[in-house]
Amino acid sequence: MANTASLSKQERKKAKRAARQKRKTEKPLQPREYARGSQKRKVKKLARGQAKRA
């Protein structure tokens, strides 16, 4: 995207949106090879204290 300092706010928004749309068609995101969230660290629920035993 070029220098947008001379553009008004509305024109800047239009230019940014156009650039995003263009990028989306030129370089689409690759599909994942794994399920979303499957690689997050799993947390054991140890620190519950009294609530865990009730």
Protein backbone atom coordinates (compact mmCIF):
# COMPACT_ATOMS: atom_id res chain seq x y z
CA MET A 1 0.00 0.00 0.00
CA ALA A 2 1.31 3.43 -0.92
CA ASN A 3 1.67 6.47 1.35
CA THR A 4 -1.84 7.32 2.58
CA ALA A 5 -1.00 10.44 4.61
CA SER A 6 -2.53 12.72 1.98
CA LEU A 7 -5.85 10.83 1.86
CA SER A 8 -8.88 11.56 4.02
CA LYS A 9 -9.97 9.03 6.62
CA GLN A 10 -12.74 7.60 4.44
CA GLU A 11 -10.44 7.26 1.43
CA ARG A 12 -7.81 5.62 3.65
CA LYS A 13 -10.39 3.06 4.84
CA LYS A 14 -11.37 2.30 1.25
CA ALA A 15 -7.73 1.88 0.24
CA LYS A 16 -7.02 -0.44 3.17
CA ARG A 17 -10.08 -2.55 2.46
CA ALA A 18 -9.15 -2.82 -1.23
CA ALA A 19 -5.61 -3.87 -0.29
CA ARG A 20 -6.97 -6.54 2.08
CA GLN A 21 -9.32 -7.92 -0.59
CA LYS A 22 -6.51 -7.98 -3.13
CA ARG A 23 -4.17 -9.80 -0.74
CA LYS A 24 -6.89 -12.33 0.07
CA THR A 25 -7.27 -13.29 -3.60
CA GLU A 26 -3.54 -13.25 -4.42
CA LYS A 27 -2.25 -15.12 -1.35
CA PRO A 28 -5.04 -17.14 0.27
CA LEU A 29 -4.35 -18.82 3.60
CA GLN A 30 -3.35 -22.46 3.43
CA PRO A 31 -5.77 -24.90 5.02
CA ARG A 32 -4.59 -26.37 8.31
CA GLU A 33 -3.25 -29.90 8.54
CA TYR A 34 -4.55 -30.19 12.12
CA ALA A 35 -7.69 -29.32 14.02
CA ARG A 36 -7.86 -25.84 15.50
CA GLY A 37 -6.90 -25.84 19.16
CA SER A 38 -5.57 -29.40 19.07
CA GLN A 39 -2.00 -28.19 19.59
CA LYS A 40 -2.77 -26.04 22.64
CA ARG A 41 -1.15 -27.13 25.91
CA LYS A 42 -3.61 -29.05 28.03
CA VAL A 43 -3.95 -27.76 31.60
CA LYS A 44 -4.72 -30.05 34.51
CA LYS A 45 -7.31 -28.65 36.87
CA LEU A 46 -5.33 -29.14 40.08
CA ALA A 47 -5.52 -25.74 41.72
CA ARG A 48 -9.18 -25.90 42.71
CA GLY A 49 -8.78 -26.79 46.37
CA GLN A 50 -12.08 -27.26 48.25
CA ALA A 51 -14.21 -27.00 45.11
CA LYS A 52 -12.54 -30.08 43.62
CA ARG A 53 -13.44 -32.20 46.65
CA ALA A 54 -17.03 -31.00 47.07
